[in-house]
Amino acid sequence: MSEQELGITESKEYATGDWYAEVVQKAKLADYAPMGGFIVTRPRGYALWEALQDHLDGWFKETGVTNAYFPMFIPESFLEREKDIVEGFDPEVAWVTHGGHDELEERLAVRPTSESIIAPFMAEWTRSHRDLPLRLNQWCSVVRWEATETKPFFRTKEFLWQEGHTAHEDEDEAWDETMLRLDQYEQLFEDVLAIPVMRGRKPEHDKFPGAHTTTTVEALMPDGKSVQSATSHYLGTSFAEAFDLTYTDENEDEQVAHTTSWGLSWRSLGALIMTHSDDQGLVLPPTIAPTQVAIVPIWQEDTKDEVLEYAEEITDELEEAGISVELDDRDERNPGFKFNEHELNGVPVRFEIGPHEVDDEEITIVHRPDGESIVEDREDIAETAEEHFDDVYEKLYDAAEENLEENVREAESPPEILGTIGKHGGYVECGWCGDEACETVIKDEIAAEIVMCPLDRDEEPVHDECAICDDEAEETAYFARTY
């Protein structure tokens, strides 16, 4: 790749969509597949998904979840057993009608979500209260045939995700499960991805088909749009009733189980890229970066051996401490090219080592987010590197937090809502009567929607009146444009 090919040519501020697509491709995260709506995830992009997966999967297992795998095809008769699922997903379902040359007796859906294939087996495996709680998770891909423009990791017809499915004896246990998973999603964003989030509940008309309550974590992007980053659903007993998921209690009476489902997709990677990256390329927090440190030795012919020896010693020391490091000792590339390439690829910390650093037993450390350069002692360099990781993480989190805090505004009328979103983006908090028609007034004008309401249904609305129709406000709503 030449110097010209290496650089990002689009502006994050003025051409966000084109900039994002360029970062994804030039940082070698993904390519566009020949079929519209699909992408090819390259090794660097998949490494990000694996890192995220490692964190989340570990937390799931620590809290009683076991992984399983279910078929990607779901018989039509299974889907139809829960009417809300059929109605909710029907326009997006891809169907298999033939196997080889033979027409199938029953159409098979390519899973848009797996409640309809998992719940029947949970029913088979549950007989008594001793079998509960039952907690399953699967890492897989799903297909939703949406006719929208392809945006890698944000909008694709096939996407990677995890979906958890649990069964419990009563509502309290199931609700605690729903909240635990929402907590873990929030933890992932706050502690791994360096993105603060808003927690809330989807309005009734926008909850998961068949669910009693859908909870969400929402992340605000620098362009003022919200990303539904993960959802956790309390399903009540509707799926259990549809699929005969029952158990006998301690009195030998038959009871219907309460179920949950919860999921996070690679849309979280889209949020990661969009939030932190800049006009030099990808920016990653050290917590998830495939390469945490790039070491760039800088030498003349007469100093090459000693500089490389010093750089190799440091590389070994970092690797022994479990730090992911790349020693960039390519002869055919100059240091400036290497700096640009590692910046494009989002390496959080760069070590620059020249003859001066060797003589003084020091290292020049550069932070990717802002280019800050600090000279540190060679001694205890692995420990020093970890401290710089914390500094870089804090810089990324603080910038994202500032963006969120500055972009939650209040409004009390349709012109105020429309004007605020049109000018600033972000979230607009207002009173809402609970009628979907009031959301439609805003949606039709500016393509913004209610992304969430407060988690607690009993929470008093902040405003007395609905900002759209002036009727009494039933709750507080947050409007935003979305990805």
Protein backbone atom coordinates (compact mmCIF):
# COMPACT_ATOMS: atom_id res chain seq x y z
CA MET A 1 0.00 0.00 0.00
CA SER A 2 1.45 3.38 -1.01
CA GLU A 3 1.48 6.51 1.19
CA GLN A 4 -1.47 7.84 -0.84
CA GLU A 5 -3.49 4.62 -0.53
CA LEU A 6 -2.74 4.48 3.18
CA GLY A 7 -4.38 7.74 4.19
CA ILE A 8 -8.04 8.40 4.95
CA THR A 9 -9.38 10.88 2.37
CA GLU A 10 -12.92 11.41 3.73
CA SER A 11 -13.83 13.61 6.70
CA LYS A 12 -15.51 12.16 9.80
CA GLU A 13 -17.22 15.46 10.50
CA TYR A 14 -18.45 16.32 7.00
CA ALA A 15 -18.89 12.94 5.25
CA THR A 16 -19.44 10.49 8.10
CA GLY A 17 -20.82 7.62 6.01
CA ASP A 18 -18.07 7.69 3.40
CA TRP A 19 -15.42 8.18 6.10
CA TYR A 20 -16.71 5.16 8.05
CA ALA A 21 -16.70 2.92 4.96
CA GLU A 22 -13.16 4.02 4.13
CA VAL A 23 -11.87 3.33 7.66
CA VAL A 24 -13.45 -0.15 7.67
CA GLN A 25 -11.82 -1.04 4.36
CA LYS A 26 -8.41 0.63 4.73
CA ALA A 27 -7.94 -0.69 8.29
CA LYS A 28 -8.66 -4.14 6.79
CA LEU A 29 -11.67 -4.89 8.97
CA ALA A 30 -14.12 -5.90 6.23
CA ASP A 31 -14.83 -5.93 2.49
CA TYR A 32 -18.12 -5.85 0.62
CA ALA A 33 -19.37 -9.25 -0.58
CA PRO A 34 -20.58 -9.71 -4.18
CA MET A 35 -24.19 -10.04 -2.93
CA GLY A 36 -25.72 -6.77 -1.75
CA GLY A 37 -26.21 -6.57 2.01
CA PHE A 38 -23.37 -8.95 2.96
CA ILE A 39 -19.78 -8.35 4.02
CA VAL A 40 -16.60 -10.39 4.28
CA THR A 41 -15.07 -10.01 7.73
CA ARG A 42 -11.30 -9.88 7.43
CA PRO A 43 -8.96 -11.33 10.09
CA ARG A 44 -8.39 -7.94 11.77
CA GLY A 45 -12.14 -7.35 12.00
CA TYR A 46 -12.81 -10.86 13.24
CA ALA A 47 -10.10 -10.46 15.90
CA LEU A 48 -12.14 -7.58 17.35
CA TRP A 49 -15.24 -9.79 17.46
CA GLU A 50 -13.23 -12.56 19.16
CA ALA A 51 -11.90 -10.16 21.79
CA LEU A 52 -15.40 -8.89 22.54
CA GLN A 53 -16.65 -12.49 22.59
CA ASP A 54 -13.96 -13.54 25.10
CA HIS A 55 -15.04 -10.86 27.59
CA LEU A 56 -18.77 -11.47 27.28
CA ASP A 57 -18.59 -15.26 27.11
CA GLY A 58 -16.50 -15.33 30.28
CA TRP A 59 -19.02 -13.20 32.16
CA PHE A 60 -21.90 -15.35 30.92
CA LYS A 61 -20.23 -18.55 32.11
CA GLU A 62 -19.42 -17.01 35.50
CA THR A 63 -23.16 -16.41 35.94
CA GLY A 64 -24.51 -19.85 35.10
CA VAL A 65 -24.83 -19.77 31.30
CA THR A 66 -23.76 -22.68 29.10
CA ASN A 67 -23.25 -22.51 25.33
CA ALA A 68 -25.17 -24.66 22.87
CA TYR A 69 -25.85 -24.61 19.14
CA PHE A 70 -29.17 -24.96 17.31
CA PRO A 71 -29.90 -25.39 13.59
CA MET A 72 -29.85 -22.31 11.39
CA PHE A 73 -33.06 -23.51 9.69
CA ILE A 74 -36.42 -23.28 11.48
CA PRO A 75 -39.52 -25.12 10.18
CA GLU A 76 -42.32 -22.72 9.25
CA SER A 77 -44.70 -24.56 11.62
CA PHE A 78 -42.36 -23.76 14.53
CA LEU A 79 -42.24 -20.07 13.70
CA GLU A 80 -46.04 -19.95 13.48
CA ARG A 81 -46.52 -21.21 17.03
CA GLU A 82 -45.76 -17.72 18.37
CA LYS A 83 -47.93 -15.34 16.32
CA ASP A 84 -46.09 -12.14 17.33
CA ILE A 85 -42.79 -13.59 16.07
CA VAL A 86 -44.39 -14.41 12.72
CA GLU A 87 -45.90 -10.95 12.33
CA GLY A 88 -42.82 -9.16 13.64
CA PHE A 89 -40.22 -10.86 11.47
CA ASP A 90 -42.17 -12.02 8.41
CA PRO A 91 -40.98 -9.22 6.06
CA GLU A 92 -37.35 -9.98 6.95
CA VAL A 93 -37.32 -13.79 6.81
CA ALA A 94 -35.29 -15.59 4.13
CA TRP A 95 -36.92 -18.92 3.17
CA VAL A 96 -35.42 -22.17 1.89
CA THR A 97 -37.91 -23.91 -0.41
CA HIS A 98 -35.72 -26.50 -2.19
CA GLY A 99 -33.09 -29.04 -1.23
CA GLY A 100 -31.13 -29.87 -4.37
CA HIS A 101 -33.76 -30.28 -7.09
CA ASP A 102 -36.56 -31.30 -4.74
CA GLU A 103 -39.12 -28.94 -3.30
CA LEU A 104 -39.32 -29.23 0.49
CA GLU A 105 -42.55 -30.41 2.10
CA GLU A 106 -42.31 -27.48 4.53
CA ARG A 107 -40.51 -24.18 4.05
CA LEU A 108 -37.53 -23.58 6.30
CA ALA A 109 -36.75 -20.11 7.64
CA VAL A 110 -33.13 -19.04 7.87
CA ARG A 111 -33.12 -17.99 11.52
CA PRO A 112 -33.92 -14.29 12.07
CA THR A 113 -33.73 -15.13 15.81
CA SER A 114 -33.96 -18.52 17.51
CA GLU A 115 -36.71 -18.45 20.16
CA SER A 116 -38.89 -20.68 17.96
CA ILE A 117 -36.29 -23.45 17.63
CA ILE A 118 -34.79 -23.19 21.12
CA ALA A 119 -37.98 -22.96 23.22
CA PRO A 120 -39.33 -26.40 22.12
CA PHE A 121 -36.11 -28.07 23.28
CA MET A 122 -36.07 -26.13 26.52
CA ALA A 123 -39.60 -27.51 27.02
CA GLU A 124 -38.35 -31.06 26.39
CA TRP A 125 -35.47 -30.62 28.84
CA THR A 126 -37.59 -29.12 31.63
CA ARG A 127 -39.76 -31.34 33.80
CA SER A 128 -39.52 -30.07 37.35
CA HIS A 129 -38.53 -26.96 39.27
CA ARG A 130 -35.19 -28.72 39.87
CA ASP A 131 -34.39 -28.24 36.16
CA LEU A 132 -34.66 -24.47 36.53
CA PRO A 133 -33.20 -22.00 35.97
CA LEU A 134 -32.10 -23.15 32.52
CA ARG A 135 -29.64 -20.76 30.88
CA LEU A 136 -28.46 -21.27 27.29
CA ASN A 137 -26.49 -19.09 24.88
CA GLN A 138 -25.38 -19.51 21.31
CA TRP A 139 -22.86 -17.61 19.19
CA CYS A 140 -24.04 -17.69 15.59
CA SER A 141 -25.15 -15.63 12.62
CA VAL A 142 -28.72 -14.64 11.80
CA VAL A 143 -30.28 -13.36 8.59
CA ARG A 144 -32.78 -10.51 8.31
CA TRP A 145 -33.57 -9.56 4.75
CA GLU A 146 -33.75 -5.82 5.17
CA ALA A 147 -33.68 -3.75 2.00
CA THR A 148 -31.42 -1.07 3.46
CA GLU A 149 -28.07 0.24 2.29
CA THR A 150 -25.19 -1.98 3.43
CA LYS A 151 -23.17 -0.44 6.26
CA PRO A 152 -20.52 -2.87 7.57
CA PHE A 153 -21.29 -4.04 11.12
CA PHE A 154 -24.26 -1.63 11.39
CA ARG A 155 -26.60 -2.83 8.62
CA THR A 156 -26.07 -6.18 6.89
CA LYS A 157 -28.52 -8.92 5.93
CA GLU A 158 -26.42 -11.50 7.78
CA PHE A 159 -24.78 -10.56 11.06
CA LEU A 160 -22.90 -12.24 13.88
CA TRP A 161 -24.34 -12.14 17.37
CA GLN A 162 -24.93 -14.03 20.57
CA GLU A 163 -28.43 -14.87 21.76
CA GLY A 164 -29.14 -16.03 25.28
CA HIS A 165 -32.32 -17.89 26.23
CA THR A 166 -33.35 -18.70 29.80
CA ALA A 167 -36.30 -20.24 31.69
CA HIS A 168 -37.24 -19.51 35.30
CA GLU A 169 -39.83 -20.40 37.90
CA ASP A 170 -41.35 -16.96 38.31
CA GLU A 171 -41.40 -13.37 37.11
CA ASP A 172 -38.98 -12.03 39.74
CA GLU A 173 -36.27 -14.52 38.80
CA ALA A 174 -36.76 -13.88 35.08
CA TRP A 175 -36.67 -10.11 35.57
CA ASP A 176 -33.46 -10.39 37.63
CA GLU A 177 -31.97 -12.37 34.73
CA THR A 178 -33.07 -9.71 32.24
CA MET A 179 -31.37 -7.02 34.31
CA LEU A 180 -28.20 -9.08 34.91
CA ARG A 181 -27.65 -9.41 31.16
CA LEU A 182 -28.35 -5.70 30.61
CA ASP A 183 -25.75 -4.98 33.33
CA GLN A 184 -23.21 -7.17 31.51
CA TYR A 185 -23.84 -5.40 28.21
CA GLU A 186 -23.38 -2.05 29.92
CA GLN A 187 -20.16 -3.37 31.50
CA LEU A 188 -18.87 -4.40 28.06
CA PHE A 189 -19.42 -0.93 26.63
CA GLU A 190 -18.18 1.00 29.66
CA ASP A 191 -15.20 -1.19 30.65
CA VAL A 192 -14.04 -2.73 27.35
CA LEU A 193 -15.20 -0.53 24.48
CA ALA A 194 -14.78 2.84 26.29
CA ILE A 195 -18.32 3.92 25.38
CA PRO A 196 -20.78 5.27 27.96
CA VAL A 197 -24.38 4.17 27.35
CA MET A 198 -27.94 5.09 28.28
CA ARG A 199 -30.06 2.29 29.78
CA GLY A 200 -33.77 2.16 29.15
CA ARG A 201 -36.85 0.35 27.97
CA LYS A 202 -38.27 0.26 24.46
CA PRO A 203 -41.78 1.71 24.02
CA GLU A 204 -44.57 -0.87 23.78
CA HIS A 205 -44.87 -0.57 19.99
CA ASP A 206 -41.14 -1.15 19.48
CA LYS A 207 -40.45 -4.03 21.86
CA PHE A 208 -39.32 -7.48 20.70
CA PRO A 209 -42.26 -9.33 19.10
CA GLY A 210 -44.00 -11.36 21.82
CA ALA A 211 -42.02 -9.83 24.69
CA HIS A 212 -43.48 -8.39 27.88
CA THR A 213 -40.61 -5.84 28.18
CA THR A 214 -37.59 -5.03 26.02
CA THR A 215 -34.68 -3.27 27.73
CA THR A 216 -31.85 -1.64 25.83
CA VAL A 217 -28.47 0.04 26.10
CA GLU A 218 -28.13 2.95 23.66
CA ALA A 219 -24.84 4.53 22.59
CA LEU A 220 -24.60 8.01 21.08
CA MET A 221 -22.35 8.36 18.06
CA PRO A 222 -20.32 11.53 17.32
CA ASP A 223 -22.67 12.37 14.43
CA GLY A 224 -25.60 12.58 16.86
CA LYS A 225 -27.26 9.25 15.98
CA SER A 226 -28.08 6.57 18.54
CA VAL A 227 -27.06 2.92 18.23
CA GLN A 228 -29.25 0.26 19.85
CA SER A 229 -26.23 -1.57 21.17
CA ALA A 230 -27.77 -4.59 22.92
CA THR A 231 -31.20 -5.68 24.13
CA SER A 232 -32.44 -7.87 26.96
CA HIS A 233 -36.05 -9.08 26.89
CA TYR A 234 -38.34 -10.32 29.62
CA LEU A 235 -40.68 -12.51 27.59
CA GLY A 236 -43.24 -13.22 30.31
CA THR A 237 -45.00 -16.55 29.69
CA SER A 238 -46.03 -16.04 26.04
CA PHE A 239 -43.26 -18.20 24.53
CA ALA A 240 -43.53 -20.78 27.30
CA GLU A 241 -47.29 -21.09 26.65
CA ALA A 242 -46.76 -21.34 22.88
CA PHE A 243 -44.16 -24.10 23.24
CA ASP A 244 -45.50 -25.90 26.36
CA LEU A 245 -42.52 -24.92 28.51
CA THR A 246 -43.90 -26.01 31.87
CA TYR A 247 -42.58 -27.52 35.09
CA THR A 248 -43.95 -29.15 38.23
CA ASP A 249 -43.42 -27.08 41.36
CA GLU A 250 -42.64 -28.32 44.88
CA ASN A 251 -46.32 -29.18 45.37
CA GLU A 252 -46.33 -31.26 42.16
CA ASP A 253 -48.56 -28.66 40.47
CA GLU A 254 -47.86 -27.78 36.84
CA GLN A 255 -46.67 -24.20 36.25
CA VAL A 256 -45.75 -22.21 33.14
CA ALA A 257 -42.13 -21.03 33.07
CA HIS A 258 -41.10 -17.39 32.65
CA THR A 259 -38.50 -16.86 29.94
CA THR A 260 -35.97 -14.28 28.79
CA SER A 261 -33.86 -13.70 25.72
CA TRP A 262 -30.99 -11.28 25.24
CA GLY A 263 -28.58 -10.48 22.46
CA LEU A 264 -25.67 -8.40 21.27
CA SER A 265 -24.49 -8.28 17.65
CA TRP A 266 -21.46 -7.00 15.82
CA ARG A 267 -23.29 -3.67 15.62
CA SER A 268 -21.26 -3.07 18.81
CA LEU A 269 -18.13 -3.13 16.61
CA GLY A 270 -19.73 -0.51 14.37
CA ALA A 271 -20.29 1.65 17.46
CA LEU A 272 -16.66 1.09 18.53
CA ILE A 273 -15.27 2.14 15.14
CA MET A 274 -17.62 5.10 14.75
CA THR A 275 -17.10 6.44 18.29
CA HIS A 276 -13.33 6.55 18.57
CA SER A 277 -11.84 6.58 15.07
CA ASP A 278 -10.66 9.78 13.39
CA ASP A 279 -9.43 11.20 10.09
CA GLN A 280 -6.15 9.27 10.47
CA GLY A 281 -7.99 5.93 10.64
CA LEU A 282 -9.07 3.39 13.21
CA VAL A 283 -8.74 4.11 16.94
CA LEU A 284 -9.08 1.23 19.41
CA PRO A 285 -8.95 1.01 23.20
CA PRO A 286 -6.12 -1.23 24.48
CA THR A 287 -8.72 -3.54 26.06
CA ILE A 288 -9.78 -4.87 22.65
CA ALA A 289 -6.96 -3.96 20.24
CA PRO A 290 -5.40 -7.03 18.54
CA THR A 291 -2.03 -5.26 18.76
CA GLN A 292 -1.63 -3.09 21.87
CA VAL A 293 1.89 -1.77 21.20
CA ALA A 294 3.72 -1.17 17.93
CA ILE A 295 7.48 -0.80 18.37
CA VAL A 296 9.12 1.24 15.61
CA PRO A 297 12.94 1.15 15.69
CA ILE A 298 14.63 4.14 14.01
CA TRP A 299 18.20 3.59 12.86
CA GLN A 300 21.02 4.64 10.56
CA GLU A 301 23.24 1.89 9.17
CA ASP A 302 25.83 2.36 11.90
CA THR A 303 23.24 2.14 14.74
CA LYS A 304 20.95 -0.55 13.32
CA ASP A 305 22.27 -3.51 15.33
CA GLU A 306 22.17 -1.84 18.74
CA VAL A 307 18.73 -0.26 18.12
CA LEU A 308 17.23 -3.57 16.97
CA GLU A 309 18.77 -5.47 19.88
CA TYR A 310 17.29 -2.95 22.35
CA ALA A 311 13.88 -3.09 20.61
CA GLU A 312 13.90 -6.91 20.66
CA GLU A 313 14.64 -6.99 24.39
CA ILE A 314 11.68 -4.69 25.05
CA THR A 315 9.46 -6.74 22.75
CA ASP A 316 10.31 -9.92 24.68
CA GLU A 317 9.65 -8.24 28.02
CA LEU A 318 6.23 -6.98 26.92
CA GLU A 319 5.26 -10.36 25.48
CA GLU A 320 6.26 -12.11 28.72
CA ALA A 321 3.88 -9.76 30.56
CA GLY A 322 1.02 -10.82 28.25
CA ILE A 323 0.99 -7.63 26.19
CA SER A 324 0.23 -7.95 22.47
CA VAL A 325 3.13 -6.29 20.66
CA GLU A 326 4.43 -5.95 17.10
CA LEU A 327 8.08 -5.15 16.43
CA ASP A 328 8.03 -3.38 13.06
CA ASP A 329 11.58 -3.97 11.82
CA ARG A 330 10.77 -3.85 8.09
CA ASP A 331 13.74 -2.60 6.11
CA GLU A 332 11.78 -1.46 3.07
CA ARG A 333 9.55 1.05 4.91
CA ASN A 334 10.66 4.30 6.53
CA PRO A 335 9.56 5.25 10.08
CA GLY A 336 7.02 7.83 8.86
CA PHE A 337 5.21 5.23 6.77
CA LYS A 338 5.18 2.84 9.73
CA PHE A 339 3.78 5.52 12.05
CA ASN A 340 0.94 6.22 9.59
CA GLU A 341 0.18 2.55 9.06
CA HIS A 342 -0.04 1.75 12.77
CA GLU A 343 -2.21 4.83 13.30
CA LEU A 344 -4.51 3.71 10.47
CA ASN A 345 -4.76 0.26 12.08
CA GLY A 346 -5.69 1.69 15.47
CA VAL A 347 -2.73 0.48 17.54
CA PRO A 348 -3.29 2.35 20.85
CA VAL A 349 0.35 2.88 21.87
CA ARG A 350 3.52 3.29 19.80
CA PHE A 351 7.08 2.91 21.12
CA GLU A 352 9.71 4.84 19.17
CA ILE A 353 13.26 3.64 19.70
CA GLY A 354 16.28 5.35 18.16
CA PRO A 355 19.96 5.65 19.15
CA HIS A 356 19.13 8.36 21.74
CA GLU A 357 16.66 6.05 23.50
CA VAL A 358 19.26 3.27 23.51
CA ASP A 359 21.99 5.54 24.95
CA ASP A 360 19.71 6.97 27.66
CA GLU A 361 17.91 3.67 28.39
CA GLU A 362 14.58 5.28 27.61
CA ILE A 363 11.58 4.84 25.31
CA THR A 364 9.46 7.46 23.56
CA ILE A 365 5.80 6.48 23.97
CA VAL A 366 3.10 7.95 21.71
CA HIS A 367 -0.66 7.72 22.34
CA ARG A 368 -2.84 7.02 19.30
CA PRO A 369 -5.90 9.15 20.21
CA ASP A 370 -4.12 12.52 20.46
CA GLY A 371 -0.49 11.95 19.49
CA GLU A 372 0.77 12.82 22.99
CA SER A 373 4.45 11.85 23.27
CA ILE A 374 6.09 10.93 26.59
CA VAL A 375 9.64 9.75 27.33
CA GLU A 376 9.80 6.92 29.89
CA ASP A 377 12.55 4.92 31.58
CA ARG A 378 13.39 1.49 30.19
CA GLU A 379 13.04 -0.11 33.65
CA ASP A 380 9.69 -1.80 34.43
CA ILE A 381 8.53 -1.07 30.89
CA ALA A 382 5.70 -3.62 30.92
CA GLU A 383 4.21 -1.97 34.01
CA THR A 384 4.68 1.46 32.40
CA ALA A 385 2.92 0.24 29.25
CA GLU A 386 -0.11 -0.85 31.29
CA GLU A 387 -0.26 2.62 32.85
CA HIS A 388 -0.29 4.14 29.38
CA PHE A 389 -3.07 1.76 28.35
CA ASP A 390 -5.13 3.13 31.23
CA ASP A 391 -4.36 6.69 30.12
CA VAL A 392 -5.39 5.98 26.52
CA TYR A 393 -8.59 4.27 27.68
CA GLU A 394 -9.44 7.23 29.88
CA LYS A 395 -8.92 9.67 27.00
CA LEU A 396 -11.26 7.69 24.76
CA TYR A 397 -13.93 7.23 27.43
CA ASP A 398 -13.82 10.89 28.50
CA ALA A 399 -14.27 12.13 24.92
CA ALA A 400 -17.26 9.80 24.40
CA GLU A 401 -18.73 10.76 27.78
CA GLU A 402 -18.43 14.46 26.96
CA ASN A 403 -20.23 13.85 23.66
CA LEU A 404 -23.08 12.09 25.49
CA GLU A 405 -23.40 14.61 28.33
CA GLU A 406 -23.50 17.56 25.95
CA ASN A 407 -26.14 16.01 23.73
CA VAL A 408 -29.11 15.21 25.95
CA ARG A 409 -31.57 18.10 25.65
CA GLU A 410 -35.18 18.76 26.61
CA ALA A 411 -38.07 19.86 24.41
CA GLU A 412 -41.75 20.67 24.95
CA SER A 413 -43.23 20.89 21.45
CA PRO A 414 -42.85 19.27 17.99
CA PRO A 415 -40.94 22.30 16.59
CA GLU A 416 -38.54 22.12 19.55
CA ILE A 417 -37.98 18.37 19.06
CA LEU A 418 -37.50 18.73 15.31
CA GLY A 419 -35.31 21.82 15.61
CA THR A 420 -33.08 20.32 18.29
CA ILE A 421 -32.53 17.01 16.46
CA GLY A 422 -32.12 18.80 13.14
CA LYS A 423 -29.49 21.18 14.48
CA HIS A 424 -27.65 19.14 17.12
CA GLY A 425 -28.68 15.48 16.83
CA GLY A 426 -28.34 13.62 20.12
CA TYR A 427 -31.17 12.70 22.48
CA VAL A 428 -34.24 14.85 23.10
CA GLU A 429 -36.03 14.15 26.37
CA CYS A 430 -39.72 15.04 26.49
CA GLY A 431 -43.07 14.09 27.94
CA TRP A 432 -45.03 11.44 26.01
CA CYS A 433 -48.63 10.28 26.27
CA GLY A 434 -47.76 6.72 25.22
CA ASP A 435 -49.51 6.90 21.81
CA GLU A 436 -47.45 5.68 18.86
CA ALA A 437 -49.19 8.26 16.65
CA CYS A 438 -47.31 11.02 18.47
CA GLU A 439 -43.98 9.36 17.66
CA THR A 440 -45.07 9.12 14.01
CA VAL A 441 -45.49 12.91 13.82
CA ILE A 442 -41.76 13.29 14.51
CA LYS A 443 -40.68 10.20 12.57
CA ASP A 444 -42.38 11.37 9.38
CA GLU A 445 -40.69 14.78 9.57
CA ILE A 446 -37.11 13.93 10.50
CA ALA A 447 -36.67 10.12 10.69
CA ALA A 448 -36.16 10.24 14.46
CA GLU A 449 -37.90 7.85 16.83
CA ILE A 450 -38.34 7.08 20.51
CA VAL A 451 -35.24 5.02 21.26
CA MET A 452 -36.09 4.44 24.92
CA CYS A 453 -38.10 5.31 28.00
CA PRO A 454 -36.93 5.00 31.63
CA LEU A 455 -36.51 1.39 32.86
CA ASP A 456 -38.94 1.89 35.74
CA ARG A 457 -42.49 2.01 34.38
CA ASP A 458 -43.63 3.71 37.58
CA GLU A 459 -41.12 6.55 37.32
CA GLU A 460 -42.89 9.91 37.27
CA PRO A 461 -42.50 11.64 33.88
CA VAL A 462 -40.16 14.64 33.94
CA HIS A 463 -42.71 16.70 31.99
CA ASP A 464 -46.43 17.10 32.77
CA GLU A 465 -47.64 17.10 29.17
CA CYS A 466 -46.92 15.15 25.98
CA ALA A 467 -44.66 17.35 23.86
CA ILE A 468 -46.56 16.38 20.71
CA CYS A 469 -50.30 16.39 21.56
CA ASP A 470 -50.37 18.23 24.93
CA ASP A 471 -52.29 15.38 26.61
CA GLU A 472 -51.13 14.29 30.03
CA ALA A 473 -47.67 12.70 29.88
CA GLU A 474 -47.65 9.04 30.85
CA GLU A 475 -43.87 8.76 30.77
CA THR A 476 -40.62 10.31 29.61
CA ALA A 477 -39.42 9.54 26.08
CA TYR A 478 -36.04 10.01 24.42
CA PHE A 479 -36.12 10.79 20.70
CA ALA A 480 -33.09 10.36 18.43
CA ARG A 481 -32.08 9.50 14.91
CA THR A 482 -30.73 5.96 14.76
CA TYR A 483 -28.40 3.61 12.93
